Amino acid sequence: MSTDAIVDRVVSRIENLLECPIIPIEASGRHVHLSAEALRVLFGENNKLTFVSDLSQPGQFVCSERVRVSGPKGEFPSVVVLGPERDETQVEISRTDAVVLGIKAPVRLSGNISGTPGGRLTGPAGEVTLSCGVIIAERHIHMTPEDAARWDLEDGQTVNVRVFAERPVTFNSVVLRVSPKFATFMHIDYDEANACGFSKGMSGFIVDDRIY
């Protein structure tokens, strides 16, 4: 390949990259979402979730409450609870966490817990045995309708995201979740974060398959 051809190819790839949507990325550690009934059993009658700090998604927050999550092989003694309360209790872990617990958790989008395995939650006031609800969160992008329209993207669409990190990778089949209730952020779990050398404040680029 001639020098001019190489230069043209590099310039073309840079131009394509500059047109790609830039998405801030967050790494999400293991956490629990509780239903009102589970909250009552685990922390006592009339207990409310205690706000500590806001998360990037509007209305979502870190709580001071912690629970023990147990499986057939192991447990995590202090897993953070995220608010607000949900209709159904859900435990989100990584693949590595699933091995520690001994739970064959599937990769699912948050809220899609039908047919998933359960586990045991223990709080200061009681214990809850879940028949389902333990998942490995599928990597996804929360997106505002405005950003989706600007970039010609749709809810439920899958995209590829290139991360320029210590160990650059392209995450394929990232699901878009578009809603006016969201802020635009991509979420990956700690296994994925470690794979790319994640650091706080990192961003990625939605890329066309042909760029890389």
N, C-alpha and C. Protein backbone atom coordinates (compact mmCIF):
# COMPACT_ATOMS: atom_id res chain seq x y z
N MET A 1 0.85 -1.19 0.00
CA MET A 1 0.00 0.00 0.00
C MET A 1 0.89 1.24 0.00
N SER A 2 0.57 2.19 -0.87
CA SER A 2 1.38 3.39 -0.98
C SER A 2 1.20 4.30 0.22
N THR A 3 2.14 5.24 0.39
CA THR A 3 2.06 6.18 1.51
C THR A 3 0.79 7.02 1.41
N ASP A 4 0.46 7.47 0.20
CA ASP A 4 -0.75 8.29 0.02
C ASP A 4 -2.00 7.50 0.39
N ALA A 5 -2.04 6.22 0.05
CA ALA A 5 -3.20 5.38 0.37
C ALA A 5 -3.34 5.20 1.87
N ILE A 6 -2.20 5.03 2.54
CA ILE A 6 -2.22 4.88 4.00
C ILE A 6 -2.73 6.15 4.66
N VAL A 7 -2.23 7.31 4.20
CA VAL A 7 -2.66 8.59 4.75
C VAL A 7 -4.16 8.78 4.53
N ASP A 8 -4.64 8.47 3.33
CA ASP A 8 -6.06 8.61 3.02
C ASP A 8 -6.90 7.73 3.94
N ARG A 9 -6.42 6.52 4.20
CA ARG A 9 -7.17 5.60 5.05
C ARG A 9 -7.23 6.11 6.48
N VAL A 10 -6.10 6.62 6.98
CA VAL A 10 -6.07 7.16 8.35
C VAL A 10 -6.99 8.36 8.47
N VAL A 11 -6.93 9.27 7.50
CA VAL A 11 -7.77 10.46 7.52
C VAL A 11 -9.24 10.06 7.49
N SER A 12 -9.58 9.07 6.66
CA SER A 12 -10.96 8.62 6.56
C SER A 12 -11.46 8.06 7.89
N ARG A 13 -10.61 7.29 8.56
CA ARG A 13 -11.01 6.70 9.84
C ARG A 13 -11.17 7.77 10.91
N ILE A 14 -10.30 8.80 10.89
CA ILE A 14 -10.43 9.90 11.84
C ILE A 14 -11.72 10.67 11.59
N GLU A 15 -12.04 10.92 10.32
CA GLU A 15 -13.27 11.64 10.00
C GLU A 15 -14.49 10.84 10.47
N ASN A 16 -14.47 9.55 10.24
CA ASN A 16 -15.58 8.71 10.70
C ASN A 16 -15.72 8.75 12.20
N LEU A 17 -14.58 8.72 12.88
CA LEU A 17 -14.59 8.72 14.34
C LEU A 17 -15.14 10.02 14.89
N LEU A 18 -14.78 11.14 14.28
CA LEU A 18 -15.23 12.44 14.76
C LEU A 18 -16.74 12.59 14.63
N GLU A 19 -17.36 11.84 13.72
CA GLU A 19 -18.80 11.90 13.55
C GLU A 19 -19.54 10.96 14.49
N CYS A 20 -18.83 10.14 15.25
CA CYS A 20 -19.46 9.15 16.10
C CYS A 20 -19.98 9.79 17.39
N PRO A 21 -21.13 9.36 17.86
CA PRO A 21 -21.64 9.85 19.15
C PRO A 21 -20.70 9.46 20.29
N ILE A 22 -20.43 10.43 21.17
CA ILE A 22 -19.58 10.19 22.33
C ILE A 22 -20.48 9.95 23.54
N ILE A 23 -20.24 8.82 24.23
CA ILE A 23 -21.09 8.42 25.34
C ILE A 23 -20.26 8.27 26.61
N PRO A 24 -20.60 8.98 27.70
CA PRO A 24 -19.90 8.75 28.98
C PRO A 24 -20.22 7.34 29.49
N ILE A 25 -19.23 6.72 30.12
CA ILE A 25 -19.37 5.33 30.57
C ILE A 25 -19.23 5.26 32.09
N GLU A 26 -20.08 4.44 32.69
CA GLU A 26 -20.01 4.18 34.13
C GLU A 26 -19.90 2.68 34.37
N ALA A 27 -19.10 2.30 35.36
CA ALA A 27 -18.99 0.91 35.79
C ALA A 27 -19.92 0.69 36.97
N SER A 28 -20.76 -0.32 36.87
CA SER A 28 -21.75 -0.59 37.91
C SER A 28 -21.38 -1.86 38.67
N GLY A 29 -21.14 -1.73 39.98
CA GLY A 29 -20.82 -2.87 40.82
C GLY A 29 -22.07 -3.60 41.24
N ARG A 30 -21.88 -4.72 41.93
CA ARG A 30 -23.03 -5.51 42.41
C ARG A 30 -23.93 -4.65 43.28
N HIS A 31 -25.25 -4.81 43.12
CA HIS A 31 -26.20 -4.04 43.91
C HIS A 31 -27.56 -4.72 43.92
N VAL A 32 -28.44 -4.20 44.76
CA VAL A 32 -29.76 -4.79 44.95
C VAL A 32 -30.83 -3.70 44.83
N HIS A 33 -31.92 -4.04 44.14
CA HIS A 33 -33.12 -3.22 44.13
C HIS A 33 -34.18 -3.96 44.93
N LEU A 34 -34.85 -3.28 45.85
CA LEU A 34 -35.80 -3.95 46.73
C LEU A 34 -37.24 -3.52 46.46
N SER A 35 -38.14 -4.48 46.57
CA SER A 35 -39.57 -4.17 46.57
C SER A 35 -39.94 -3.66 47.95
N ALA A 36 -41.12 -3.07 48.07
CA ALA A 36 -41.58 -2.56 49.36
C ALA A 36 -41.69 -3.69 50.39
N GLU A 37 -42.16 -4.85 49.94
CA GLU A 37 -42.32 -5.98 50.85
C GLU A 37 -40.97 -6.51 51.33
N ALA A 38 -40.01 -6.62 50.41
CA ALA A 38 -38.67 -7.08 50.80
C ALA A 38 -38.02 -6.08 51.75
N LEU A 39 -38.22 -4.81 51.49
CA LEU A 39 -37.67 -3.78 52.38
C LEU A 39 -38.24 -3.92 53.78
N ARG A 40 -39.53 -4.19 53.87
CA ARG A 40 -40.18 -4.34 55.18
C ARG A 40 -39.60 -5.54 55.94
N VAL A 41 -39.45 -6.67 55.24
CA VAL A 41 -38.94 -7.88 55.89
C VAL A 41 -37.49 -7.72 56.30
N LEU A 42 -36.69 -7.14 55.45
CA LEU A 42 -35.25 -7.05 55.71
C LEU A 42 -34.89 -5.99 56.74
N PHE A 43 -35.64 -4.87 56.74
CA PHE A 43 -35.24 -3.74 57.58
C PHE A 43 -36.29 -3.32 58.61
N GLY A 44 -37.43 -3.98 58.63
CA GLY A 44 -38.41 -3.68 59.65
C GLY A 44 -39.59 -2.90 59.14
N GLU A 45 -40.67 -2.97 59.88
CA GLU A 45 -41.92 -2.29 59.54
C GLU A 45 -41.72 -0.78 59.43
N ASN A 46 -42.31 -0.19 58.38
CA ASN A 46 -42.29 1.26 58.17
C ASN A 46 -40.90 1.83 57.87
N ASN A 47 -39.93 0.97 57.62
CA ASN A 47 -38.60 1.48 57.28
C ASN A 47 -38.61 2.05 55.85
N LYS A 48 -37.91 3.15 55.65
CA LYS A 48 -37.77 3.76 54.34
C LYS A 48 -36.30 3.74 53.93
N LEU A 49 -36.07 3.69 52.63
CA LEU A 49 -34.70 3.73 52.14
C LEU A 49 -34.07 5.07 52.49
N THR A 50 -32.79 5.01 52.92
CA THR A 50 -32.09 6.21 53.38
C THR A 50 -31.19 6.75 52.28
N PHE A 51 -31.51 7.93 51.79
CA PHE A 51 -30.75 8.56 50.70
C PHE A 51 -29.32 8.88 51.13
N VAL A 52 -28.36 8.55 50.26
CA VAL A 52 -26.96 8.91 50.49
C VAL A 52 -26.47 9.84 49.38
N SER A 53 -26.66 9.44 48.13
CA SER A 53 -26.19 10.27 47.01
C SER A 53 -26.93 9.90 45.74
N ASP A 54 -27.03 10.86 44.83
CA ASP A 54 -27.69 10.64 43.55
C ASP A 54 -26.82 9.81 42.62
N LEU A 55 -27.46 9.05 41.76
CA LEU A 55 -26.80 8.38 40.66
C LEU A 55 -27.00 9.21 39.39
N SER A 56 -26.39 8.79 38.31
CA SER A 56 -26.48 9.58 37.07
C SER A 56 -27.88 9.57 36.48
N GLN A 57 -28.63 8.49 36.71
CA GLN A 57 -29.99 8.42 36.18
C GLN A 57 -30.96 9.17 37.09
N PRO A 58 -31.77 10.06 36.54
CA PRO A 58 -32.68 10.88 37.36
C PRO A 58 -33.57 10.03 38.27
N GLY A 59 -33.61 10.42 39.54
CA GLY A 59 -34.46 9.75 40.51
C GLY A 59 -33.85 8.51 41.13
N GLN A 60 -32.70 8.06 40.64
CA GLN A 60 -32.03 6.88 41.19
C GLN A 60 -30.98 7.32 42.20
N PHE A 61 -30.83 6.56 43.30
CA PHE A 61 -29.89 7.00 44.33
C PHE A 61 -29.30 5.83 45.11
N VAL A 62 -28.14 6.09 45.69
CA VAL A 62 -27.46 5.14 46.58
C VAL A 62 -28.06 5.27 47.97
N CYS A 63 -28.29 4.14 48.61
CA CYS A 63 -28.87 4.12 49.96
C CYS A 63 -27.81 3.71 50.98
N SER A 64 -28.06 4.02 52.22
CA SER A 64 -27.15 3.59 53.28
C SER A 64 -27.38 2.12 53.64
N GLU A 65 -28.54 1.57 53.28
CA GLU A 65 -28.86 0.18 53.60
C GLU A 65 -27.97 -0.80 52.84
N ARG A 66 -27.62 -1.89 53.51
CA ARG A 66 -26.84 -2.97 52.93
C ARG A 66 -27.49 -4.30 53.27
N VAL A 67 -27.33 -5.29 52.39
CA VAL A 67 -27.87 -6.62 52.65
C VAL A 67 -26.81 -7.67 52.35
N ARG A 68 -26.94 -8.83 52.98
CA ARG A 68 -26.11 -9.97 52.64
C ARG A 68 -26.78 -10.73 51.51
N VAL A 69 -26.01 -11.03 50.46
CA VAL A 69 -26.51 -11.82 49.33
C VAL A 69 -25.82 -13.17 49.38
N SER A 70 -26.62 -14.24 49.45
CA SER A 70 -26.07 -15.59 49.61
C SER A 70 -26.53 -16.50 48.48
N GLY A 71 -25.63 -17.39 48.08
CA GLY A 71 -25.94 -18.41 47.10
C GLY A 71 -25.51 -19.77 47.61
N PRO A 72 -25.59 -20.80 46.79
CA PRO A 72 -25.23 -22.16 47.22
C PRO A 72 -23.77 -22.32 47.63
N LYS A 73 -22.88 -21.51 47.05
CA LYS A 73 -21.44 -21.69 47.30
C LYS A 73 -20.81 -20.59 48.14
N GLY A 74 -21.37 -19.39 48.12
CA GLY A 74 -20.73 -18.29 48.83
C GLY A 74 -21.69 -17.13 49.05
N GLU A 75 -21.13 -16.05 49.56
CA GLU A 75 -21.97 -14.89 49.86
C GLU A 75 -21.16 -13.61 49.79
N PHE A 76 -21.87 -12.51 49.67
CA PHE A 76 -21.31 -11.17 49.80
C PHE A 76 -22.00 -10.52 50.99
N PRO A 77 -21.26 -10.18 52.04
CA PRO A 77 -21.90 -9.77 53.30
C PRO A 77 -22.50 -8.38 53.31
N SER A 78 -22.10 -7.51 52.38
CA SER A 78 -22.56 -6.12 52.45
C SER A 78 -22.73 -5.55 51.05
N VAL A 79 -23.89 -5.78 50.47
CA VAL A 79 -24.17 -5.32 49.11
C VAL A 79 -25.09 -4.10 49.17
N VAL A 80 -24.71 -3.08 48.44
CA VAL A 80 -25.44 -1.82 48.49
C VAL A 80 -26.84 -1.95 47.90
N VAL A 81 -27.77 -1.23 48.50
CA VAL A 81 -29.14 -1.13 47.99
C VAL A 81 -29.29 0.19 47.24
N LEU A 82 -29.90 0.14 46.08
CA LEU A 82 -30.16 1.34 45.29
C LEU A 82 -31.66 1.65 45.31
N GLY A 83 -31.98 2.92 45.42
CA GLY A 83 -33.37 3.34 45.43
C GLY A 83 -33.75 3.99 44.12
N PRO A 84 -35.05 4.22 43.93
CA PRO A 84 -36.15 3.97 44.88
C PRO A 84 -36.60 2.51 44.88
N GLU A 85 -37.66 2.22 45.66
CA GLU A 85 -38.21 0.87 45.68
C GLU A 85 -38.71 0.49 44.28
N ARG A 86 -38.71 -0.81 44.01
CA ARG A 86 -39.21 -1.31 42.74
C ARG A 86 -40.37 -2.28 42.97
N ASP A 87 -41.05 -2.60 41.89
CA ASP A 87 -42.16 -3.54 41.99
C ASP A 87 -41.67 -4.93 42.37
N GLU A 88 -40.47 -5.30 41.87
CA GLU A 88 -39.90 -6.61 42.14
C GLU A 88 -38.45 -6.47 42.59
N THR A 89 -38.05 -7.32 43.51
CA THR A 89 -36.66 -7.31 43.99
C THR A 89 -35.74 -7.90 42.92
N GLN A 90 -34.60 -7.27 42.75
CA GLN A 90 -33.64 -7.68 41.72
C GLN A 90 -32.23 -7.55 42.25
N VAL A 91 -31.39 -8.53 41.97
CA VAL A 91 -29.98 -8.52 42.35
C VAL A 91 -29.14 -8.51 41.08
N GLU A 92 -28.27 -7.51 40.93
CA GLU A 92 -27.43 -7.41 39.75
C GLU A 92 -25.98 -7.68 40.14
N ILE A 93 -25.38 -8.67 39.49
CA ILE A 93 -24.01 -9.09 39.80
C ILE A 93 -23.22 -9.24 38.50
N SER A 94 -21.92 -9.47 38.64
CA SER A 94 -21.08 -9.75 37.48
C SER A 94 -20.94 -11.26 37.32
N ARG A 95 -20.34 -11.70 36.21
CA ARG A 95 -20.11 -13.14 36.01
C ARG A 95 -19.20 -13.69 37.10
N THR A 96 -18.18 -12.92 37.48
CA THR A 96 -17.29 -13.35 38.55
C THR A 96 -18.04 -13.51 39.86
N ASP A 97 -18.93 -12.56 40.17
CA ASP A 97 -19.75 -12.67 41.37
C ASP A 97 -20.61 -13.94 41.33
N ALA A 98 -21.15 -14.24 40.15
CA ALA A 98 -22.01 -15.42 40.02
C ALA A 98 -21.25 -16.69 40.34
N VAL A 99 -19.99 -16.76 39.94
CA VAL A 99 -19.16 -17.92 40.26
C VAL A 99 -18.95 -18.04 41.76
N VAL A 100 -18.68 -16.91 42.41
CA VAL A 100 -18.48 -16.91 43.87
C VAL A 100 -19.74 -17.39 44.58
N LEU A 101 -20.90 -16.91 44.15
CA LEU A 101 -22.16 -17.28 44.78
C LEU A 101 -22.61 -18.69 44.44
N GLY A 102 -22.15 -19.18 43.28
CA GLY A 102 -22.64 -20.47 42.81
C GLY A 102 -24.01 -20.38 42.18
N ILE A 103 -24.31 -19.24 41.58
CA ILE A 103 -25.60 -19.01 40.94
C ILE A 103 -25.38 -18.84 39.43
N LYS A 104 -26.12 -19.60 38.62
CA LYS A 104 -26.00 -19.50 37.18
C LYS A 104 -26.90 -18.37 36.66
N ALA A 105 -26.46 -17.17 36.91
CA ALA A 105 -27.25 -15.99 36.54
C ALA A 105 -27.13 -15.72 35.04
N PRO A 106 -28.25 -15.46 34.37
CA PRO A 106 -28.20 -15.12 32.94
C PRO A 106 -27.93 -13.64 32.73
N VAL A 107 -27.51 -13.31 31.52
CA VAL A 107 -27.33 -11.91 31.12
C VAL A 107 -28.68 -11.38 30.68
N ARG A 108 -29.17 -10.38 31.38
CA ARG A 108 -30.50 -9.82 31.10
C ARG A 108 -30.47 -8.31 31.26
N LEU A 109 -31.38 -7.63 30.59
CA LEU A 109 -31.62 -6.23 30.86
C LEU A 109 -32.34 -6.10 32.20
N SER A 110 -32.08 -5.01 32.89
CA SER A 110 -32.72 -4.77 34.18
C SER A 110 -34.23 -4.82 34.04
N GLY A 111 -34.88 -5.54 34.97
CA GLY A 111 -36.32 -5.67 34.95
C GLY A 111 -36.81 -6.93 34.28
N ASN A 112 -35.97 -7.56 33.48
CA ASN A 112 -36.34 -8.80 32.78
C ASN A 112 -35.87 -9.99 33.62
N ILE A 113 -36.62 -10.34 34.64
CA ILE A 113 -36.18 -11.37 35.58
C ILE A 113 -36.98 -12.66 35.50
N SER A 114 -37.91 -12.77 34.59
CA SER A 114 -38.71 -13.98 34.46
C SER A 114 -37.81 -15.17 34.13
N GLY A 115 -37.94 -16.25 34.91
CA GLY A 115 -37.17 -17.45 34.66
C GLY A 115 -35.73 -17.41 35.13
N THR A 116 -35.37 -16.37 35.87
CA THR A 116 -34.00 -16.26 36.38
C THR A 116 -33.88 -16.97 37.73
N PRO A 117 -32.65 -17.32 38.15
CA PRO A 117 -32.49 -17.96 39.45
C PRO A 117 -32.67 -16.98 40.59
N GLY A 118 -32.87 -17.50 41.78
CA GLY A 118 -33.01 -16.67 42.97
C GLY A 118 -31.81 -16.77 43.88
N GLY A 119 -31.96 -16.27 45.06
CA GLY A 119 -30.91 -16.29 46.07
C GLY A 119 -31.51 -15.89 47.40
N ARG A 120 -30.65 -15.66 48.37
CA ARG A 120 -31.14 -15.30 49.71
C ARG A 120 -30.57 -13.95 50.11
N LEU A 121 -31.45 -13.07 50.60
CA LEU A 121 -31.06 -11.76 51.10
C LEU A 121 -31.28 -11.73 52.60
N THR A 122 -30.29 -11.19 53.32
CA THR A 122 -30.40 -11.08 54.77
C THR A 122 -30.15 -9.65 55.20
N GLY A 123 -31.07 -9.12 56.00
CA GLY A 123 -30.93 -7.78 56.55
C GLY A 123 -30.99 -7.82 58.05
N PRO A 124 -30.92 -6.66 58.70
CA PRO A 124 -30.91 -6.62 60.16
C PRO A 124 -32.21 -7.10 60.81
N ALA A 125 -33.32 -7.10 60.05
CA ALA A 125 -34.62 -7.47 60.64
C ALA A 125 -35.14 -8.81 60.15
N GLY A 126 -34.56 -9.37 59.11
CA GLY A 126 -35.09 -10.61 58.60
C GLY A 126 -34.40 -11.08 57.33
N GLU A 127 -35.01 -12.09 56.71
CA GLU A 127 -34.41 -12.74 55.55
C GLU A 127 -35.46 -12.94 54.46
N VAL A 128 -35.03 -12.81 53.20
CA VAL A 128 -35.91 -13.01 52.06
C VAL A 128 -35.26 -14.04 51.14
N THR A 129 -36.02 -15.07 50.78
CA THR A 129 -35.56 -16.04 49.80
C THR A 129 -36.25 -15.75 48.47
N LEU A 130 -35.45 -15.42 47.47
CA LEU A 130 -35.99 -15.04 46.16
C LEU A 130 -36.16 -16.28 45.29
N SER A 131 -37.30 -16.39 44.64
CA SER A 131 -37.51 -17.47 43.68
C SER A 131 -36.90 -17.13 42.33
N CYS A 132 -36.67 -15.84 42.09
CA CYS A 132 -36.02 -15.37 40.86
C CYS A 132 -35.48 -13.96 41.14
N GLY A 133 -34.75 -13.41 40.17
CA GLY A 133 -34.33 -12.02 40.33
C GLY A 133 -32.84 -11.76 40.29
N VAL A 134 -32.01 -12.81 40.19
CA VAL A 134 -30.56 -12.60 40.14
C VAL A 134 -30.11 -12.60 38.69
N ILE A 135 -29.53 -11.49 38.24
CA ILE A 135 -29.10 -11.36 36.84
C ILE A 135 -27.71 -10.76 36.74
N ILE A 136 -27.10 -11.00 35.59
CA ILE A 136 -25.91 -10.25 35.17
C ILE A 136 -26.43 -9.20 34.20
N ALA A 137 -26.27 -7.94 34.54
CA ALA A 137 -26.86 -6.87 33.73
C ALA A 137 -26.22 -6.81 32.35
N GLU A 138 -27.06 -6.86 31.34
CA GLU A 138 -26.57 -6.73 29.97
C GLU A 138 -26.05 -5.31 29.75
N ARG A 139 -24.90 -5.20 29.11
CA ARG A 139 -24.37 -3.84 28.88
C ARG A 139 -25.37 -3.06 28.03
N HIS A 140 -25.52 -1.80 28.39
CA HIS A 140 -26.58 -1.01 27.77
C HIS A 140 -26.26 0.46 27.85
N ILE A 141 -27.00 1.24 27.07
CA ILE A 141 -26.89 2.70 27.10
C ILE A 141 -28.26 3.27 27.44
N HIS A 142 -28.33 4.03 28.53
CA HIS A 142 -29.50 4.86 28.79
C HIS A 142 -29.37 6.10 27.92
N MET A 143 -30.43 6.50 27.27
CA MET A 143 -30.31 7.65 26.35
C MET A 143 -31.58 8.49 26.37
N THR A 144 -31.39 9.79 26.30
CA THR A 144 -32.53 10.70 26.19
C THR A 144 -33.11 10.62 24.78
N PRO A 145 -34.40 10.90 24.62
CA PRO A 145 -34.98 10.94 23.27
C PRO A 145 -34.30 11.98 22.37
N GLU A 146 -33.85 13.08 22.97
CA GLU A 146 -33.18 14.13 22.19
C GLU A 146 -31.88 13.61 21.59
N ASP A 147 -31.08 12.91 22.38
CA ASP A 147 -29.83 12.35 21.87
C ASP A 147 -30.10 11.27 20.82
N ALA A 148 -31.11 10.45 21.07
CA ALA A 148 -31.45 9.39 20.11
C ALA A 148 -31.85 9.99 18.76
N ALA A 149 -32.64 11.06 18.81
CA ALA A 149 -33.07 11.71 17.57
C ALA A 149 -31.88 12.37 16.86
N ARG A 150 -31.00 13.00 17.64
CA ARG A 150 -29.85 13.69 17.07
C ARG A 150 -28.92 12.72 16.35
N TRP A 151 -28.80 11.51 16.89
CA TRP A 151 -27.89 10.52 16.32
C TRP A 151 -28.61 9.46 15.49
N ASP A 152 -29.93 9.66 15.26
CA ASP A 152 -30.71 8.74 14.44
C ASP A 152 -30.66 7.32 15.01
N LEU A 153 -30.92 7.19 16.31
CA LEU A 153 -30.91 5.91 17.00
C LEU A 153 -32.29 5.64 17.59
N GLU A 154 -32.57 4.37 17.88
CA GLU A 154 -33.90 3.98 18.36
C GLU A 154 -33.81 3.11 19.60
N ASP A 155 -34.86 3.17 20.40
CA ASP A 155 -34.96 2.31 21.57
C ASP A 155 -34.93 0.84 21.15
N GLY A 156 -34.13 0.03 21.87
CA GLY A 156 -34.02 -1.39 21.56
C GLY A 156 -32.97 -1.73 20.52
N GLN A 157 -32.44 -0.73 19.85
CA GLN A 157 -31.39 -0.95 18.86
C GLN A 157 -30.10 -1.38 19.56
N THR A 158 -29.27 -2.17 18.90
CA THR A 158 -27.96 -2.51 19.44
C THR A 158 -26.88 -1.82 18.62
N VAL A 159 -25.84 -1.36 19.32
CA VAL A 159 -24.75 -0.63 18.67
C VAL A 159 -23.42 -1.17 19.19
N ASN A 160 -22.34 -0.78 18.53
CA ASN A 160 -21.00 -1.11 18.98
C ASN A 160 -20.35 0.15 19.56
N VAL A 161 -19.67 -0.01 20.69
CA VAL A 161 -19.05 1.13 21.35
C VAL A 161 -17.55 0.88 21.51
N ARG A 162 -16.76 1.75 20.94
CA ARG A 162 -15.30 1.69 21.04
C ARG A 162 -14.85 2.49 22.25
N VAL A 163 -14.08 1.86 23.12
CA VAL A 163 -13.60 2.50 24.34
C VAL A 163 -12.09 2.70 24.23
N PHE A 164 -11.66 3.94 24.27
CA PHE A 164 -10.23 4.24 24.23
C PHE A 164 -9.72 4.34 25.65
N ALA A 165 -9.28 3.21 26.16
CA ALA A 165 -8.86 3.12 27.55
C ALA A 165 -7.45 2.56 27.60
N GLU A 166 -7.03 2.18 28.79
CA GLU A 166 -5.72 1.57 28.96
C GLU A 166 -5.58 0.31 28.10
N ARG A 167 -6.71 -0.42 27.98
CA ARG A 167 -6.74 -1.61 27.13
C ARG A 167 -7.93 -1.45 26.18
N PRO A 168 -7.74 -0.75 25.05
CA PRO A 168 -8.86 -0.41 24.18
C PRO A 168 -9.63 -1.65 23.71
N VAL A 169 -10.95 -1.55 23.75
CA VAL A 169 -11.81 -2.63 23.28
C VAL A 169 -13.01 -2.02 22.58
N THR A 170 -13.70 -2.86 21.81
CA THR A 170 -14.99 -2.49 21.26
C THR A 170 -16.04 -3.41 21.87
N PHE A 171 -17.00 -2.83 22.56
CA PHE A 171 -18.11 -3.59 23.12
C PHE A 171 -19.19 -3.71 22.04
N ASN A 172 -19.49 -4.94 21.65
CA ASN A 172 -20.49 -5.18 20.62
C ASN A 172 -21.87 -5.41 21.24
N SER A 173 -22.89 -5.20 20.43
CA SER A 173 -24.28 -5.50 20.82
C SER A 173 -24.69 -4.82 22.12
N VAL A 174 -24.41 -3.54 22.21
CA VAL A 174 -24.82 -2.74 23.37
C VAL A 174 -26.25 -2.26 23.13
N VAL A 175 -27.15 -2.56 24.05
CA VAL A 175 -28.56 -2.25 23.86
C VAL A 175 -28.87 -0.81 24.24
N LEU A 176 -29.63 -0.13 23.37
CA LEU A 176 -30.06 1.24 23.67
C LEU A 176 -31.40 1.21 24.40
N ARG A 177 -31.48 1.99 25.49
CA ARG A 177 -32.73 2.14 26.22
C ARG A 177 -33.07 3.63 26.22
N VAL A 178 -34.03 4.01 25.42
CA VAL A 178 -34.36 5.43 25.21
C VAL A 178 -35.61 5.79 26.00
N SER A 179 -35.50 6.84 26.81
CA SER A 179 -36.64 7.28 27.60
C SER A 179 -36.41 8.71 28.08
N PRO A 180 -37.48 9.51 28.20
CA PRO A 180 -37.34 10.86 28.78
C PRO A 180 -36.97 10.81 30.25
N LYS A 181 -37.05 9.62 30.87
CA LYS A 181 -36.67 9.48 32.28
C LYS A 181 -35.16 9.26 32.44
N PHE A 182 -34.44 9.10 31.34
CA PHE A 182 -33.02 8.75 31.39
C PHE A 182 -32.12 9.94 31.13
N ALA A 183 -30.86 9.79 31.57
CA ALA A 183 -29.75 10.64 31.14
C ALA A 183 -28.83 9.74 30.32
N THR A 184 -28.11 10.30 29.37
CA THR A 184 -27.31 9.49 28.44
C THR A 184 -26.01 9.02 29.07
N PHE A 185 -25.96 7.73 29.40
CA PHE A 185 -24.78 7.08 29.96
C PHE A 185 -24.79 5.62 29.54
N MET A 186 -23.60 5.08 29.32
CA MET A 186 -23.45 3.64 29.09
C MET A 186 -23.05 2.97 30.40
N HIS A 187 -23.64 1.80 30.67
CA HIS A 187 -23.33 1.06 31.89
C HIS A 187 -22.71 -0.29 31.55
N ILE A 188 -21.58 -0.58 32.18
CA ILE A 188 -20.93 -1.87 32.08
C ILE A 188 -20.69 -2.39 33.49
N ASP A 189 -20.49 -3.70 33.64
CA ASP A 189 -20.22 -4.22 34.98
C ASP A 189 -18.71 -4.23 35.24
N TYR A 190 -18.30 -4.66 36.42
CA TYR A 190 -16.89 -4.58 36.80
C TYR A 190 -16.02 -5.54 36.01
N ASP A 191 -16.54 -6.68 35.59
CA ASP A 191 -15.76 -7.57 34.74
C ASP A 191 -15.40 -6.87 33.44
N GLU A 192 -16.37 -6.22 32.83
CA GLU A 192 -16.13 -5.49 31.59
C GLU A 192 -15.23 -4.29 31.83
N ALA A 193 -15.41 -3.62 32.96
CA ALA A 193 -14.57 -2.47 33.30
C ALA A 193 -13.11 -2.88 33.46
N ASN A 194 -12.88 -3.99 34.13
CA ASN A 194 -11.50 -4.47 34.31
C ASN A 194 -10.88 -4.89 32.98
N ALA A 195 -11.69 -5.42 32.09
CA ALA A 195 -11.19 -5.87 30.79
C ALA A 195 -10.63 -4.72 29.96
N CYS A 196 -11.20 -3.52 30.12
CA CYS A 196 -10.75 -2.38 29.31
C CYS A 196 -9.90 -1.38 30.10
N GLY A 197 -9.61 -1.68 31.37
CA GLY A 197 -8.82 -0.74 32.16
C GLY A 197 -9.59 0.52 32.46
N PHE A 198 -10.85 0.37 32.85
CA PHE A 198 -11.74 1.51 33.07
C PHE A 198 -11.22 2.45 34.14
N SER A 199 -11.44 3.73 33.93
CA SER A 199 -11.20 4.75 34.96
C SER A 199 -12.36 5.74 34.92
N LYS A 200 -12.65 6.35 36.06
CA LYS A 200 -13.78 7.25 36.16
C LYS A 200 -13.66 8.40 35.17
N GLY A 201 -14.75 8.74 34.52
CA GLY A 201 -14.76 9.82 33.56
C GLY A 201 -14.51 9.37 32.13
N MET A 202 -14.38 8.07 31.93
CA MET A 202 -14.09 7.53 30.61
C MET A 202 -15.31 7.63 29.70
N SER A 203 -15.06 7.77 28.40
CA SER A 203 -16.12 7.82 27.41
C SER A 203 -15.86 6.79 26.31
N GLY A 204 -16.89 6.53 25.54
CA GLY A 204 -16.75 5.65 24.38
C GLY A 204 -17.43 6.28 23.18
N PHE A 205 -17.21 5.69 22.01
CA PHE A 205 -17.77 6.19 20.77
C PHE A 205 -18.63 5.11 20.14
N ILE A 206 -19.86 5.45 19.79
CA ILE A 206 -20.67 4.53 19.01
C ILE A 206 -20.10 4.51 17.60
N VAL A 207 -19.72 3.32 17.14
CA VAL A 207 -19.01 3.21 15.87
C VAL A 207 -19.75 2.31 14.90
N ASP A 208 -19.52 2.56 13.63
CA ASP A 208 -20.02 1.70 12.57
C ASP A 208 -19.14 0.46 12.50
N ASP A 209 -19.72 -0.68 12.16
CA ASP A 209 -18.96 -1.92 12.05
C ASP A 209 -17.77 -1.80 11.11
N ARG A 210 -17.88 -0.92 10.14
CA ARG A 210 -16.85 -0.84 9.11
C ARG A 210 -15.63 -0.04 9.55
N ILE A 211 -15.71 0.67 10.68
CA ILE A 211 -14.60 1.53 11.10
C ILE A 211 -13.45 0.72 11.64
N TYR A 212 -13.75 -0.38 12.33
CA TYR A 212 -12.70 -1.18 12.96
C TYR A 212 -12.69 -2.58 12.38
